[in-house]
Every structure is written in C-alpha cells, then in structure tokens.
C-alpha cells in the first residue's frame, strides 16, 4: 500500500514539475514551486516505492505488482490532467492516505 501511495505521489510530482501542468495542478501556488525540487521529489518517491517493494518478504511478486502500479498511477494522473485537475489532486491525496494507512497498519 505504501508503494502505491508513493507511486501516485511520484507521478503527481513529476507532472507538477512541468511548466505546462504546474498552474493546473498547483493553482496559485505554482509560482512558488521550484520545478527542480518537484522533479527530484517525484523521482525520489518512485525510487522509494521501488525500495519499499523490494523490502517486502515476497519481493518477486511485489516487484511485478510495482510494475503494474506504474501505468495505473500514471493513468490516474493523466486522466486528471485531461478531464479535471481535481481528479489528479484527489489521486495524490489518496496516495498520501495510502502511505499513512500502510505505515499505521
């Protein structure tokens, strides 16, 4: 669950780092956001998701699951960018909740 949340947040960070998508995703806060920081945070979240996956006891199955999560998370963010930015922001919020639920559970 932690890997899924980190993957969603990672793709959200990568999308928010792009000048074209930053105003849509971040609203008025895009002027204060540093694209380089968002890009590093996005890639860092994806790398952290991979590390969380590899630390699982049954890591081969978890690794295959992680590879399945990548296009799913990217599609959620892409659909949010295509139709309504609230969907992408909601996916990022769900990602944060998934991380919290994985850490508490």
Protein backbone atom coordinates (compact mmCIF):
# COMPACT_ATOMS: atom_id res chain seq x y z
CA UNK A 1 0.00 0.00 0.00
CA UNK A 2 2.92 2.28 0.71
CA UNK A 3 4.36 1.62 -2.74
CA UNK A 4 1.04 2.50 -4.38
CA UNK A 5 0.86 5.79 -2.50
CA UNK A 6 4.43 6.69 -3.27
CA UNK A 7 3.89 5.88 -6.94
CA UNK A 8 0.86 8.17 -7.12
CA UNK A 9 2.71 10.98 -5.37
CA UNK A 10 5.75 10.44 -7.57
CA UNK A 11 3.83 10.84 -10.80
CA UNK A 12 1.95 13.82 -9.37
CA UNK A 13 5.29 15.46 -8.51
CA UNK A 14 6.68 14.78 -11.98
CA UNK A 15 3.56 16.23 -13.61
CA UNK A 16 3.60 19.27 -11.32
CA UNK A 17 7.24 19.91 -12.27
CA UNK A 18 6.26 20.52 -15.90
CA UNK A 19 5.61 24.19 -16.73
CA UNK A 20 2.54 23.28 -18.73
CA UNK A 21 0.83 21.35 -15.91
CA UNK A 22 2.02 23.28 -12.84
CA UNK A 23 -0.68 26.01 -12.98
CA UNK A 24 -3.40 23.41 -13.37
CA UNK A 25 -2.22 21.11 -10.60
CA UNK A 26 -0.86 23.58 -8.08
CA UNK A 27 -3.22 26.52 -8.61
CA UNK A 28 -1.86 29.79 -7.33
CA UNK A 29 1.00 28.01 -5.56
CA UNK A 30 2.73 27.19 -8.84
CA UNK A 31 4.62 30.48 -8.74
CA UNK A 32 6.34 29.44 -5.50
CA UNK A 33 7.02 25.85 -6.58
CA UNK A 34 10.50 25.01 -7.77
CA UNK A 35 10.30 22.67 -10.78
CA UNK A 36 13.67 21.08 -9.99
CA UNK A 37 12.57 20.29 -6.43
CA UNK A 38 9.30 18.80 -7.64
CA UNK A 39 11.13 16.69 -10.22
CA UNK A 40 13.59 15.40 -7.62
CA UNK A 41 10.73 14.67 -5.20
CA UNK A 42 8.80 12.83 -7.91
CA UNK A 43 11.72 10.62 -8.89
CA UNK A 44 12.57 10.15 -5.23
CA UNK A 45 9.04 8.96 -4.47
CA UNK A 46 9.19 6.48 -7.36
CA UNK A 47 12.56 5.22 -6.11
CA UNK A 48 11.22 4.97 -2.55
CA UNK A 49 8.29 2.94 -3.89
CA UNK A 50 10.74 0.57 -5.54
CA UNK A 51 12.74 0.24 -2.31
CA UNK A 52 9.55 -0.40 -0.34
CA UNK A 53 8.61 -3.05 -2.86
CA UNK A 54 11.99 -4.78 -2.72
CA UNK A 55 11.92 -4.85 1.08
CA UNK A 56 8.75 -6.98 1.09
CA UNK A 57 9.17 -10.61 2.18
CA UNK A 58 7.81 -11.90 -1.14
CA UNK A 59 9.70 -9.34 -3.20
CA UNK A 60 9.43 -11.00 -6.66
CA UNK A 61 5.64 -10.83 -6.57
CA UNK A 62 5.80 -7.33 -5.08
CA UNK A 63 8.13 -6.23 -7.88
CA UNK A 64 5.68 -7.42 -10.53
CA UNK A 65 2.92 -5.60 -8.65
CA UNK A 66 5.03 -2.43 -8.63
CA UNK A 67 5.50 -2.65 -12.39
CA UNK A 68 1.71 -2.92 -12.65
CA UNK A 69 1.23 0.08 -10.39
CA UNK A 70 3.37 2.33 -12.58
CA UNK A 71 1.00 2.57 -15.57
CA UNK A 72 -2.05 2.61 -13.29
CA UNK A 73 -0.78 5.59 -11.27
CA UNK A 74 0.37 7.39 -14.40
CA UNK A 75 -3.05 6.85 -15.98
CA UNK A 76 -4.81 8.31 -12.94
CA UNK A 77 -2.70 11.45 -13.08
CA UNK A 78 -3.07 11.66 -16.87
CA UNK A 79 -6.85 11.37 -16.68
CA UNK A 80 -6.85 14.04 -14.03
CA UNK A 81 -4.83 16.34 -16.28
CA UNK A 82 -7.08 15.57 -19.25
CA UNK A 83 -10.50 15.97 -17.67
CA UNK A 84 -10.29 17.79 -14.37
CA UNK A 85 -7.30 18.69 -12.21
CA UNK A 86 -9.31 17.82 -9.10
CA UNK A 87 -9.03 14.17 -10.13
CA UNK A 88 -5.23 14.38 -10.19
CA UNK A 89 -5.14 16.21 -6.87
CA UNK A 90 -7.54 13.62 -5.46
CA UNK A 91 -5.27 10.82 -6.67
CA UNK A 92 -2.35 12.48 -4.88
CA UNK A 93 -4.45 12.76 -1.71
CA UNK A 94 -5.38 9.09 -1.98
CA UNK A 95 -1.68 8.34 -2.37
CA UNK A 96 -0.90 10.20 0.85
CA UNK A 97 -3.70 8.33 2.65
CA UNK A 98 -2.40 5.01 1.30
CA UNK A 99 1.05 5.77 2.69
CA UNK A 100 -0.44 6.68 6.08
CA UNK A 101 -2.60 3.53 6.12
CA UNK A 102 0.39 1.39 5.17
CA UNK A 103 2.52 2.88 7.94
CA UNK A 104 -0.21 2.51 10.57
CA UNK A 105 -1.32 -0.98 9.51
